[in-house]
Amino acid sequence: MNGLSHLHRFHHIMGLVVLVLTGIQIIIAIARPFKQNRPTKARILWEIMHQLFGILLVSAGLITIFFGLQLLLPELSYGHIGYTVIIIGVVSGLELYLRRKRQKEYQLLQNTIR
């Protein structure tokens, strides 16, 4: 039996992608530069990369779940992709909203400290 026989469906491949990206996200988190009084270029780049990987992971996870449900429930139609896209949009939008809110709070805090 071929060792890659399990990776013959999109759901299986996406599951492996999510697993690898999760490992990369952990490595990125460990490599976080220390906070300085003023944000350094390295810290800003790290924050952007960490946030993008997080959004990518959530999106890939939702897509993987959708295709896993198709394996479990073959009668699931592609019309459900719309629901999946809506969920991804809501989760991504909520993440962006919360990120901007945290940035505004951080800037307000920085302005009161100075």
PDB file of N, CA and C in Angstrom:
ATOM      1  N   MET A   1       0.840  -1.185   0.000  1.00  0.00           N
ATOM      2  CA  MET A   1       0.000   0.000   0.000  1.00  0.00           C
ATOM      3  C   MET A   1       0.884   1.247   0.000  1.00  0.00           C
ATOM      4  N   ASN A   2       0.550   2.189  -0.820  1.00  0.00           N
ATOM      5  CA  ASN A   2       1.301   3.422  -0.946  1.00  0.00           C
ATOM      6  C   ASN A   2       1.124   4.279   0.305  1.00  0.00           C
ATOM      7  N   GLY A   3       2.181   4.890   0.793  1.00  0.00           N
ATOM      8  CA  GLY A   3       2.114   5.716   1.999  1.00  0.00           C
ATOM      9  C   GLY A   3       1.278   6.971   1.821  1.00  0.00           C
ATOM     10  N   LEU A   4       1.097   7.423   0.592  1.00  0.00           N
ATOM     11  CA  LEU A   4       0.319   8.630   0.333  1.00  0.00           C
ATOM     12  C   LEU A   4      -1.124   8.324  -0.058  1.00  0.00           C
ATOM     13  N   SER A   5      -1.565   7.083   0.116  1.00  0.00           N
ATOM     14  CA  SER A   5      -2.913   6.722  -0.320  1.00  0.00           C
ATOM     15  C   SER A   5      -3.982   7.453   0.477  1.00  0.00           C
ATOM     16  N   HIS A   6      -3.652   7.902   1.663  1.00  0.00           N
ATOM     17  CA  HIS A   6      -4.636   8.619   2.467  1.00  0.00           C
ATOM     18  C   HIS A   6      -4.868  10.032   1.934  1.00  0.00           C
ATOM     19  N   LEU A   7      -3.910  10.574   1.222  1.00  0.00           N
ATOM     20  CA  LEU A   7      -4.016  11.947   0.740  1.00  0.00           C
ATOM     21  C   LEU A   7      -4.585  12.007  -0.677  1.00  0.00           C
ATOM     22  N   HIS A   8      -5.680  11.335  -0.912  1.00  0.00           N
ATOM     23  CA  HIS A   8      -6.249  11.330  -2.259  1.00  0.00           C
ATOM     24  C   HIS A   8      -7.496  12.209  -2.368  1.00  0.00           C
ATOM     25  N   ARG A   9      -7.935  12.819  -1.298  1.00  0.00           N
ATOM     26  CA  ARG A   9      -9.089  13.725  -1.334  1.00  0.00           C
ATOM     27  C   ARG A   9      -8.651  15.110  -0.866  1.00  0.00           C
ATOM     28  N   PHE A  10      -9.396  16.100  -1.346  1.00  0.00           N
ATOM     29  CA  PHE A  10      -9.064  17.489  -1.016  1.00  0.00           C
ATOM     30  C   PHE A  10      -9.093  17.722   0.491  1.00  0.00           C
ATOM     31  N   HIS A  11     -10.041  17.125   1.188  1.00  0.00           N
ATOM     32  CA  HIS A  11     -10.155  17.278   2.639  1.00  0.00           C
ATOM     33  C   HIS A  11      -8.883  16.789   3.338  1.00  0.00           C
ATOM     34  N   HIS A  12      -8.349  15.675   2.890  1.00  0.00           N
ATOM     35  CA  HIS A  12      -7.137  15.123   3.503  1.00  0.00           C
ATOM     36  C   HIS A  12      -5.939  16.038   3.265  1.00  0.00           C
ATOM     37  N   ILE A  13      -5.828  16.545   2.053  1.00  0.00           N
ATOM     38  CA  ILE A  13      -4.713  17.440   1.728  1.00  0.00           C
ATOM     39  C   ILE A  13      -4.821  18.730   2.535  1.00  0.00           C
ATOM     40  N   MET A  14      -6.032  19.290   2.616  1.00  0.00           N
ATOM     41  CA  MET A  14      -6.224  20.523   3.388  1.00  0.00           C
ATOM     42  C   MET A  14      -5.951  20.291   4.874  1.00  0.00           C
ATOM     43  N   GLY A  15      -6.300  19.121   5.383  1.00  0.00           N
ATOM     44  CA  GLY A  15      -5.994  18.807   6.779  1.00  0.00           C
ATOM     45  C   GLY A  15      -4.493  18.836   7.032  1.00  0.00           C
ATOM     46  N   LEU A  16      -3.727  18.281   6.090  1.00  0.00           N
ATOM     47  CA  LEU A  16      -2.268  18.312   6.214  1.00  0.00           C
ATOM     48  C   LEU A  16      -1.743  19.741   6.110  1.00  0.00           C
ATOM     49  N   VAL A  17      -2.310  20.536   5.208  1.00  0.00           N
ATOM     50  CA  VAL A  17      -1.906  21.940   5.063  1.00  0.00           C
ATOM     51  C   VAL A  17      -2.163  22.705   6.367  1.00  0.00           C
ATOM     52  N   VAL A  18      -3.348  22.492   6.953  1.00  0.00           N
ATOM     53  CA  VAL A  18      -3.679  23.165   8.213  1.00  0.00           C
ATOM     54  C   VAL A  18      -2.702  22.750   9.306  1.00  0.00           C
ATOM     55  N   LEU A  19      -2.359  21.467   9.353  1.00  0.00           N
ATOM     56  CA  LEU A  19      -1.409  20.982  10.360  1.00  0.00           C
ATOM     57  C   LEU A  19      -0.041  21.646  10.195  1.00  0.00           C
ATOM     58  N   VAL A  20       0.442  21.719   8.962  1.00  0.00           N
ATOM     59  CA  VAL A  20       1.752  22.335   8.702  1.00  0.00           C
ATOM     60  C   VAL A  20       1.715  23.834   9.019  1.00  0.00           C
ATOM     61  N   LEU A  21       0.647  24.519   8.593  1.00  0.00           N
ATOM     62  CA  LEU A  21       0.534  25.957   8.874  1.00  0.00           C
ATOM     63  C   LEU A  21       0.435  26.230  10.371  1.00  0.00           C
ATOM     64  N   THR A  22      -0.207  25.337  11.104  1.00  0.00           N
ATOM     65  CA  THR A  22      -0.278  25.492  12.562  1.00  0.00           C
ATOM     66  C   THR A  22       1.115  25.408  13.171  1.00  0.00           C
ATOM     67  N   GLY A  23       1.929  24.470  12.694  1.00  0.00           N
ATOM     68  CA  GLY A  23       3.313  24.374  13.166  1.00  0.00           C
ATOM     69  C   GLY A  23       4.105  25.630  12.852  1.00  0.00           C
ATOM     70  N   ILE A  24       3.915  26.178  11.650  1.00  0.00           N
ATOM     71  CA  ILE A  24       4.600  27.421  11.271  1.00  0.00           C
ATOM     72  C   ILE A  24       4.132  28.569  12.162  1.00  0.00           C
ATOM     73  N   GLN A  25       2.830  28.614  12.462  1.00  0.00           N
ATOM     74  CA  GLN A  25       2.293  29.673  13.324  1.00  0.00           C
ATOM     75  C   GLN A  25       2.923  29.600  14.714  1.00  0.00           C
ATOM     76  N   ILE A  26       3.122  28.401  15.223  1.00  0.00           N
ATOM     77  CA  ILE A  26       3.758  28.236  16.538  1.00  0.00           C
ATOM     78  C   ILE A  26       5.202  28.719  16.492  1.00  0.00           C
ATOM     79  N   ILE A  27       5.910  28.378  15.423  1.00  0.00           N
ATOM     80  CA  ILE A  27       7.300  28.832  15.277  1.00  0.00           C
ATOM     81  C   ILE A  27       7.350  30.354  15.179  1.00  0.00           C
ATOM     82  N   ILE A  28       6.423  30.945  14.431  1.00  0.00           N
ATOM     83  CA  ILE A  28       6.361  32.402  14.320  1.00  0.00           C
ATOM     84  C   ILE A  28       6.111  33.018  15.699  1.00  0.00           C
ATOM     85  N   ALA A  29       5.219  32.410  16.473  1.00  0.00           N
ATOM     86  CA  ALA A  29       4.914  32.930  17.815  1.00  0.00           C
ATOM     87  C   ALA A  29       6.145  32.870  18.722  1.00  0.00           C
ATOM     88  N   ILE A  30       6.895  31.793  18.631  1.00  0.00           N
ATOM     89  CA  ILE A  30       8.100  31.649  19.458  1.00  0.00           C
ATOM     90  C   ILE A  30       9.156  32.674  19.046  1.00  0.00           C
ATOM     91  N   ALA A  31       9.226  32.999  17.760  1.00  0.00           N
ATOM     92  CA  ALA A  31      10.240  33.925  17.241  1.00  0.00           C
ATOM     93  C   ALA A  31       9.829  35.388  17.391  1.00  0.00           C
ATOM     94  N   ARG A  32       8.825  35.665  18.203  1.00  0.00           N
ATOM     95  CA  ARG A  32       8.323  37.034  18.355  1.00  0.00           C
ATOM     96  C   ARG A  32       9.411  37.961  18.898  1.00  0.00           C
ATOM     97  N   PRO A  33       9.645  39.089  18.217  1.00  0.00           N
ATOM     98  CA  PRO A  33      10.607  40.071  18.746  1.00  0.00           C
ATOM     99  C   PRO A  33      10.032  40.751  19.996  1.00  0.00           C
ATOM    100  N   PHE A  34      10.923  41.150  20.887  1.00  0.00           N
ATOM    101  CA  PHE A  34      10.486  41.834  22.100  1.00  0.00           C
ATOM    102  C   PHE A  34       9.891  43.187  21.759  1.00  0.00           C
ATOM    103  N   LYS A  35       8.930  43.621  22.582  1.00  0.00           N
ATOM    104  CA  LYS A  35       8.351  44.955  22.409  1.00  0.00           C
ATOM    105  C   LYS A  35       9.334  45.995  22.914  1.00  0.00           C
ATOM    106  N   GLN A  36       9.445  47.056  22.167  1.00  0.00           N
ATOM    107  CA  GLN A  36      10.284  48.185  22.548  1.00  0.00           C
ATOM    108  C   GLN A  36       9.360  49.356  22.904  1.00  0.00           C
ATOM    109  N   ASN A  37       9.947  50.473  23.290  1.00  0.00           N
ATOM    110  CA  ASN A  37       9.131  51.666  23.534  1.00  0.00           C
ATOM    111  C   ASN A  37       8.401  52.084  22.268  1.00  0.00           C
ATOM    112  N   ARG A  38       9.113  52.010  21.156  1.00  0.00           N
ATOM    113  CA  ARG A  38       8.513  52.281  19.859  1.00  0.00           C
ATOM    114  C   ARG A  38       8.537  50.977  19.062  1.00  0.00           C
ATOM    115  N   PRO A  39       7.486  50.722  18.283  1.00  0.00           N
ATOM    116  CA  PRO A  39       7.477  49.487  17.497  1.00  0.00           C
ATOM    117  C   PRO A  39       8.622  49.464  16.494  1.00  0.00           C
ATOM    118  N   THR A  40       9.354  48.378  16.471  1.00  0.00           N
ATOM    119  CA  THR A  40      10.438  48.220  15.501  1.00  0.00           C
ATOM    120  C   THR A  40       9.871  47.629  14.213  1.00  0.00           C
ATOM    121  N   LYS A  41      10.662  47.718  13.142  1.00  0.00           N
ATOM    122  CA  LYS A  41      10.225  47.143  11.870  1.00  0.00           C
ATOM    123  C   LYS A  41      10.041  45.636  12.004  1.00  0.00           C
ATOM    124  N   ALA A  42      10.930  45.004  12.752  1.00  0.00           N
ATOM    125  CA  ALA A  42      10.826  43.552  12.945  1.00  0.00           C
ATOM    126  C   ALA A  42       9.537  43.193  13.670  1.00  0.00           C
ATOM    127  N   ARG A  43       9.173  43.958  14.683  1.00  0.00           N
ATOM    128  CA  ARG A  43       7.954  43.679  15.448  1.00  0.00           C
ATOM    129  C   ARG A  43       6.710  43.913  14.586  1.00  0.00           C
ATOM    130  N   ILE A  44       6.704  44.983  13.804  1.00  0.00           N
ATOM    131  CA  ILE A  44       5.566  45.263  12.924  1.00  0.00           C
ATOM    132  C   ILE A  44       5.427  44.158  11.881  1.00  0.00           C
ATOM    133  N   LEU A  45       6.546  43.740  11.277  1.00  0.00           N
ATOM    134  CA  LEU A  45       6.517  42.654  10.301  1.00  0.00           C
ATOM    135  C   LEU A  45       6.030  41.365  10.946  1.00  0.00           C
ATOM    136  N   TRP A  46       6.499  41.085  12.163  1.00  0.00           N
ATOM    137  CA  TRP A  46       6.067  39.882  12.882  1.00  0.00           C
ATOM    138  C   TRP A  46       4.560  39.913  13.134  1.00  0.00           C
ATOM    139  N   GLU A  47       4.034  41.053  13.591  1.00  0.00           N
ATOM    140  CA  GLU A  47       2.603  41.155  13.877  1.00  0.00           C
ATOM    141  C   GLU A  47       1.770  40.932  12.620  1.00  0.00           C
ATOM    142  N   ILE A  48       2.194  41.526  11.508  1.00  0.00           N
ATOM    143  CA  ILE A  48       1.465  41.350  10.250  1.00  0.00           C
ATOM    144  C   ILE A  48       1.495  39.883   9.825  1.00  0.00           C
ATOM    145  N   MET A  49       2.680  39.263   9.871  1.00  0.00           N
ATOM    146  CA  MET A  49       2.815  37.870   9.461  1.00  0.00           C
ATOM    147  C   MET A  49       1.999  36.945  10.363  1.00  0.00           C
ATOM    148  N   HIS A  50       2.045  37.182  11.670  1.00  0.00           N
ATOM    149  CA  HIS A  50       1.320  36.353  12.629  1.00  0.00           C
ATOM    150  C   HIS A  50      -0.191  36.469  12.415  1.00  0.00           C
ATOM    151  N   GLN A  51      -0.665  37.685  12.164  1.00  0.00           N
ATOM    152  CA  GLN A  51      -2.098  37.894  11.937  1.00  0.00           C
ATOM    153  C   GLN A  51      -2.549  37.273  10.612  1.00  0.00           C
ATOM    154  N   LEU A  52      -1.755  37.431   9.569  1.00  0.00           N
ATOM    155  CA  LEU A  52      -2.121  36.850   8.281  1.00  0.00           C
ATOM    156  C   LEU A  52      -2.164  35.332   8.352  1.00  0.00           C
ATOM    157  N   PHE A  53      -1.189  34.743   9.023  1.00  0.00           N
ATOM    158  CA  PHE A  53      -1.196  33.286   9.179  1.00  0.00           C
ATOM    159  C   PHE A  53      -2.413  32.846   9.984  1.00  0.00           C
ATOM    160  N   GLY A  54      -2.787  33.619  10.993  1.00  0.00           N
ATOM    161  CA  GLY A  54      -3.963  33.282  11.783  1.00  0.00           C
ATOM    162  C   GLY A  54      -5.228  33.296  10.947  1.00  0.00           C
ATOM    163  N   ILE A  55      -5.399  34.334  10.134  1.00  0.00           N
ATOM    164  CA  ILE A  55      -6.571  34.427   9.265  1.00  0.00           C
ATOM    165  C   ILE A  55      -6.549  33.298   8.240  1.00  0.00           C
ATOM    166  N   LEU A  56      -5.370  33.015   7.684  1.00  0.00           N
ATOM    167  CA  LEU A  56      -5.237  31.926   6.727  1.00  0.00           C
ATOM    168  C   LEU A  56      -5.596  30.592   7.369  1.00  0.00           C
ATOM    169  N   LEU A  57      -5.148  30.380   8.600  1.00  0.00           N
ATOM    170  CA  LEU A  57      -5.449  29.129   9.297  1.00  0.00           C
ATOM    171  C   LEU A  57      -6.933  28.966   9.575  1.00  0.00           C
ATOM    172  N   VAL A  58      -7.585  30.014  10.021  1.00  0.00           N
ATOM    173  CA  VAL A  58      -9.026  29.935  10.281  1.00  0.00           C
ATOM    174  C   VAL A  58      -9.772  29.639   8.983  1.00  0.00           C
ATOM    175  N   SER A  59      -9.412  30.329   7.918  1.00  0.00           N
ATOM    176  CA  SER A  59     -10.069  30.108   6.625  1.00  0.00           C
ATOM    177  C   SER A  59      -9.827  28.688   6.116  1.00  0.00           C
ATOM    178  N   ALA A  60      -8.589  28.232   6.175  1.00  0.00           N
ATOM    179  CA  ALA A  60      -8.273  26.876   5.716  1.00  0.00           C
ATOM    180  C   ALA A  60      -8.978  25.839   6.581  1.00  0.00           C
ATOM    181  N   GLY A  61      -9.069  26.086   7.869  1.00  0.00           N
ATOM    182  CA  GLY A  61      -9.775  25.169   8.762  1.00  0.00           C
ATOM    183  C   GLY A  61     -11.250  25.064   8.416  1.00  0.00           C
ATOM    184  N   LEU A  62     -11.890  26.195   8.123  1.00  0.00           N
ATOM    185  CA  LEU A  62     -13.304  26.173   7.756  1.00  0.00           C
ATOM    186  C   LEU A  62     -13.530  25.453   6.428  1.00  0.00           C
ATOM    187  N   ILE A  63     -12.631  25.672   5.485  1.00  0.00           N
ATOM    188  CA  ILE A  63     -12.735  24.980   4.201  1.00  0.00           C
ATOM    189  C   ILE A  63     -12.562  23.477   4.404  1.00  0.00           C
ATOM    190  N   THR A  64     -11.614  23.089   5.239  1.00  0.00           N
ATOM    191  CA  THR A  64     -11.380  21.677   5.527  1.00  0.00           C
ATOM    192  C   THR A  64     -12.607  21.040   6.171  1.00  0.00           C
ATOM    193  N   ILE A  65     -13.226  21.762   7.087  1.00  0.00           N
ATOM    194  CA  ILE A  65     -14.447  21.258   7.731  1.00  0.00           C
ATOM    195  C   ILE A  65     -15.550  21.055   6.699  1.00  0.00           C
ATOM    196  N   PHE A  66     -15.718  22.012   5.793  1.00  0.00           N
ATOM    197  CA  PHE A  66     -16.751  21.893   4.773  1.00  0.00           C
ATOM    198  C   PHE A  66     -16.548  20.635   3.939  1.00  0.00           C
ATOM    199  N   PHE A  67     -15.335  20.406   3.457  1.00  0.00           N
ATOM    200  CA  PHE A  67     -15.095  19.232   2.625  1.00  0.00           C
ATOM    201  C   PHE A  67     -15.140  17.937   3.431  1.00  0.00           C
ATOM    202  N   GLY A  68     -14.830  18.020   4.715  1.00  0.00           N
ATOM    203  CA  GLY A  68     -15.001  16.852   5.585  1.00  0.00           C
ATOM    204  C   GLY A  68     -16.464  16.500   5.744  1.00  0.00           C
ATOM    205  N   LEU A  69     -17.312  17.510   5.857  1.00  0.00           N
ATOM    206  CA  LEU A  69     -18.753  17.263   5.939  1.00  0.00           C
ATOM    207  C   LEU A  69     -19.270  16.651   4.643  1.00  0.00           C
ATOM    208  N   GLN A  70     -18.688  17.042   3.519  1.00  0.00           N
ATOM    209  CA  GLN A  70     -19.096  16.439   2.248  1.00  0.00           C
ATOM    210  C   GLN A  70     -18.734  14.958   2.211  1.00  0.00           C
ATOM    211  N   LEU A  71     -17.612  14.583   2.820  1.00  0.00           N
ATOM    212  CA  LEU A  71     -17.261  13.161   2.885  1.00  0.00           C
ATOM    213  C   LEU A  71     -18.223  12.412   3.804  1.00  0.00           C
ATOM    214  N   LEU A  72     -18.587  13.055   4.896  1.00  0.00           N
ATOM    215  CA  LEU A  72     -19.478  12.429   5.870  1.00  0.00           C
ATOM    216  C   LEU A  72     -20.908  12.364   5.353  1.00  0.00           C
ATOM    217  N   LEU A  73     -21.340  13.442   4.713  1.00  0.00           N
ATOM    218  CA  LEU A  73     -22.706  13.537   4.197  1.00  0.00           C
ATOM    219  C   LEU A  73     -22.656  13.786   2.694  1.00  0.00           C
ATOM    220  N   PRO A  74     -22.606  12.747   1.886  1.00  0.00           N
ATOM    221  CA  PRO A  74     -22.461  12.928   0.435  1.00  0.00           C
ATOM    222  C   PRO A  74     -23.596  13.739  -0.202  1.00  0.00           C
ATOM    223  N   GLU A  75     -24.766  13.773   0.451  1.00  0.00           N
ATOM    224  CA  GLU A  75     -25.876  14.527  -0.129  1.00  0.00           C
ATOM    225  C   GLU A  75     -25.709  16.029   0.046  1.00  0.00           C
ATOM    226  N   LEU A  76     -24.676  16.446   0.758  1.00  0.00           N
ATOM    227  CA  LEU A  76     -24.405  17.872   0.947  1.00  0.00           C
ATOM    228  C   LEU A  76     -24.068  18.482  -0.403  1.00  0.00           C
ATOM    229  N   SER A  77     -24.816  19.495  -0.798  1.00  0.00           N
ATOM    230  CA  SER A  77     -24.625  20.074  -2.128  1.00  0.00           C
ATOM    231  C   SER A  77     -23.596  21.199  -2.086  1.00  0.00           C
ATOM    232  N   TYR A  78     -23.153  21.579  -3.264  1.00  0.00           N
ATOM    233  CA  TYR A  78     -22.221  22.694  -3.355  1.00  0.00           C
ATOM    234  C   TYR A  78     -22.902  24.014  -3.029  1.00  0.00           C
ATOM    235  N   GLY A  79     -24.207  24.011  -2.902  1.00  0.00           N
ATOM    236  CA  GLY A  79     -24.918  25.204  -2.468  1.00  0.00           C
ATOM    237  C   GLY A  79     -24.522  25.605  -1.061  1.00  0.00           C
ATOM    238  N   HIS A  80     -24.026  24.650  -0.298  1.00  0.00           N
ATOM    239  CA  HIS A  80     -23.583  24.938   1.065  1.00  0.00           C
ATOM    240  C   HIS A  80     -22.266  25.715   1.080  1.00  0.00           C
ATOM    241  N   ILE A  81     -21.625  25.788  -0.064  1.00  0.00           N
ATOM    242  CA  ILE A  81     -20.403  26.597  -0.141  1.00  0.00           C
ATOM    243  C   ILE A  81     -20.726  28.041   0.229  1.00  0.00           C
ATOM    244  N   GLY A  82     -21.905  28.498  -0.164  1.00  0.00           N
ATOM    245  CA  GLY A  82     -22.319  29.854   0.191  1.00  0.00           C
ATOM    246  C   GLY A  82     -22.322  30.070   1.688  1.00  0.00           C
ATOM    247  N   TYR A  83     -22.839  29.086   2.422  1.00  0.00           N
ATOM    248  CA  TYR A  83     -22.836  29.191   3.882  1.00  0.00           C
ATOM    249  C   TYR A  83     -21.409  29.221   4.425  1.00  0.00           C
ATOM    250  N   THR A  84     -20.561  28.400   3.835  1.00  0.00           N
ATOM    251  CA  THR A  84     -19.168  28.365   4.278  1.00  0.00           C
ATOM    252  C   THR A  84     -18.488  29.700   4.010  1.00  0.00           C
ATOM    253  N   VAL A  85     -18.745  30.273   2.836  1.00  0.00           N
ATOM    254  CA  VAL A  85     -18.149  31.571   2.498  1.00  0.00           C
ATOM    255  C   VAL A  85     -18.657  32.646   3.459  1.00  0.00           C
ATOM    256  N   ILE A  86     -19.942  32.593   3.790  1.00  0.00           N
ATOM    257  CA  ILE A  86     -20.492  33.570   4.728  1.00  0.00           C
ATOM    258  C   ILE A  86     -19.829  33.431   6.097  1.00  0.00           C
ATOM    259  N   ILE A  87     -19.659  32.207   6.561  1.00  0.00           N
ATOM    260  CA  ILE A  87     -19.012  31.985   7.859  1.00  0.00           C
ATOM    261  C   ILE A  87     -17.580  32.503   7.831  1.00  0.00           C
ATOM    262  N   ILE A  88     -16.854  32.195   6.751  1.00  0.00           N
ATOM    263  CA  ILE A  88     -15.482  32.689   6.627  1.00  0.00           C
ATOM    264  C   ILE A  88     -15.466  34.208   6.624  1.00  0.00           C
ATOM    265  N   GLY A  89     -16.401  34.818   5.904  1.00  0.00           N
ATOM    266  CA  GLY A  89     -16.472  36.277   5.858  1.00  0.00           C
ATOM    267  C   GLY A  89     -16.770  36.884   7.212  1.00  0.00           C
ATOM    268  N   VAL A  90     -17.713  36.285   7.949  1.00  0.00           N
ATOM    269  CA  VAL A  90     -18.057  36.803   9.270  1.00  0.00           C
ATOM    270  C   VAL A  90     -16.875  36.665  10.227  1.00  0.00           C
ATOM    271  N   VAL A  91     -16.235  35.497  10.231  1.00  0.00           N
ATOM    272  CA  VAL A  91     -15.093  35.284  11.122  1.00  0.00           C
ATOM    273  C   VAL A  91     -13.946  36.232  10.768  1.00  0.00           C
ATOM    274  N   SER A  92     -13.653  36.367   9.476  1.00  0.00           N
ATOM    275  CA  SER A  92     -12.576  37.274   9.052  1.00  0.00           C
ATOM    276  C   SER A  92     -12.921  38.725   9.373  1.00  0.00           C
ATOM    277  N   GLY A  93     -14.169  39.114   9.117  1.00  0.00           N
ATOM    278  CA  GLY A  93     -14.590  40.479   9.427  1.00  0.00           C
ATOM    279  C   GLY A  93     -14.514  40.773  10.912  1.00  0.00           C
ATOM    280  N   LEU A  94     -14.936  39.822  11.731  1.00  0.00           N
ATOM    281  CA  LEU A  94     -14.854  39.988  13.181  1.00  0.00           C
ATOM    282  C   LEU A  94     -13.407  40.110  13.626  1.00  0.00           C
ATOM    283  N   GLU A  95     -12.539  39.312  13.036  1.00  0.00           N
ATOM    284  CA  GLU A  95     -11.112  39.384  13.370  1.00  0.00           C
ATOM    285  C   GLU A  95     -10.552  40.755  13.006  1.00  0.00           C
ATOM    286  N   LEU A  96     -10.873  41.248  11.826  1.00  0.00           N
ATOM    287  CA  LEU A  96     -10.385  42.568  11.421  1.00  0.00           C
ATOM    288  C   LEU A  96     -10.926  43.664  12.320  1.00  0.00           C
ATOM    289  N   TYR A  97     -12.200  43.575  12.684  1.00  0.00           N
ATOM    290  CA  TYR A  97     -12.805  44.560  13.581  1.00  0.00           C
ATOM    291  C   TYR A  97     -12.109  44.564  14.933  1.00  0.00           C
ATOM    292  N   LEU A  98     -11.902  43.382  15.497  1.00  0.00           N
ATOM    293  CA  LEU A  98     -11.254  43.294  16.811  1.00  0.00           C
ATOM    294  C   LEU A  98      -9.802  43.765  16.745  1.00  0.00           C
ATOM    295  N   ARG A  99      -9.123  43.471  15.636  1.00  0.00           N
ATOM    296  CA  ARG A  99      -7.735  43.906  15.494  1.00  0.00           C
ATOM    297  C   ARG A  99      -7.658  45.427  15.456  1.00  0.00           C
ATOM    298  N   ARG A 100      -8.540  46.055  14.688  1.00  0.00           N
ATOM    299  CA  ARG A 100      -8.539  47.524  14.616  1.00  0.00           C
ATOM    300  C   ARG A 100      -8.899  48.137  15.958  1.00  0.00           C
ATOM    301  N   LYS A 101      -9.825  47.510  16.667  1.00  0.00           N
ATOM    302  CA  LYS A 101     -10.210  48.006  17.981  1.00  0.00           C
ATOM    303  C   LYS A 101      -9.019  47.935  18.944  1.00  0.00           C
ATOM    304  N   ARG A 102      -8.284  46.823  18.897  1.00  0.00           N
ATOM    305  CA  ARG A 102      -7.096  46.686  19.754  1.00  0.00           C
ATOM    306  C   ARG A 102      -6.032  47.705  19.381  1.00  0.00           C
ATOM    307  N   GLN A 103      -5.862  47.962  18.073  1.00  0.00           N
ATOM    308  CA  GLN A 103      -4.870  48.937  17.644  1.00  0.00           C
ATOM    309  C   GLN A 103      -5.232  50.331  18.132  1.00  0.00           C
ATOM    310  N   LYS A 104      -6.514  50.692  18.060  1.00  0.00           N
ATOM    311  CA  LYS A 104      -6.943  52.008  18.544  1.00  0.00           C
ATOM    312  C   LYS A 104      -6.737  52.115  20.053  1.00  0.00           C
ATOM    313  N   GLU A 105      -7.051  51.045  20.794  1.00  0.00           N
ATOM    314  CA  GLU A 105      -6.839  51.056  22.239  1.00  0.00           C
ATOM    315  C   GLU A 105      -5.349  51.164  22.560  1.00  0.00           C
ATOM    316  N   TYR A 106      -4.520  50.465  21.783  1.00  0.00           N
ATOM    317  CA  TYR A 106      -3.076  50.517  21.983  1.00  0.00           C
ATOM    318  C   TYR A 106      -2.553  51.928  21.719  1.00  0.00           C
ATOM    319  N   GLN A 107      -3.024  52.550  20.642  1.00  0.00           N
ATOM    320  CA  GLN A 107      -2.586  53.912  20.322  1.00  0.00           C
ATOM    321  C   GLN A 107      -3.044  54.893  21.392  1.00  0.00           C
ATOM    322  N   LEU A 108      -4.263  54.726  21.884  1.00  0.00           N
ATOM    323  CA  LEU A 108      -4.766  55.590  22.950  1.00  0.00           C
ATOM    324  C   LEU A 108      -3.917  55.437  24.207  1.00  0.00           C
ATOM    325  N   LEU A 109      -3.572  54.193  24.517  1.00  0.00           N
ATOM    326  CA  LEU A 109      -2.723  53.918  25.673  1.00  0.00           C
ATOM    327  C   LEU A 109      -1.344  54.547  25.494  1.00  0.00           C
ATOM    328  N   GLN A 110      -0.776  54.414  24.295  1.00  0.00           N
ATOM    329  CA  GLN A 110       0.530  55.010  24.037  1.00  0.00           C
ATOM    330  C   GLN A 110       0.489  56.528  24.158  1.00  0.00           C
ATOM    331  N   ASN A 111      -0.596  57.149  23.709  1.00  0.00           N
ATOM    332  CA  ASN A 111      -0.715  58.597  23.779  1.00  0.00           C
ATOM    333  C   ASN A 111      -0.874  59.074  25.225  1.00  0.00           C
ATOM    334  N   THR A 112      -1.532  58.290  26.072  1.00  0.00           N
ATOM    335  CA  THR A 112      -1.686  58.691  27.475  1.00  0.00           C
ATOM    336  C   THR A 112      -0.406  58.480  28.268  1.00  0.00           C
ATOM    337  N   ILE A 113       0.436  57.532  27.849  1.00  0.00           N
ATOM    338  CA  ILE A 113       1.692  57.280  28.558  1.00  0.00           C
ATOM    339  C   ILE A 113       2.694  58.393  28.284  1.00  0.00           C
ATOM    340  N   ARG A 114       2.692  58.932  27.080  1.00  0.00           N
ATOM    341  CA  ARG A 114       3.684  59.949  26.683  1.00  0.00           C
ATOM    342  C   ARG A 114       3.441  61.248  27.321  1.00  0.00           C
TER     343      ARG A 114
END
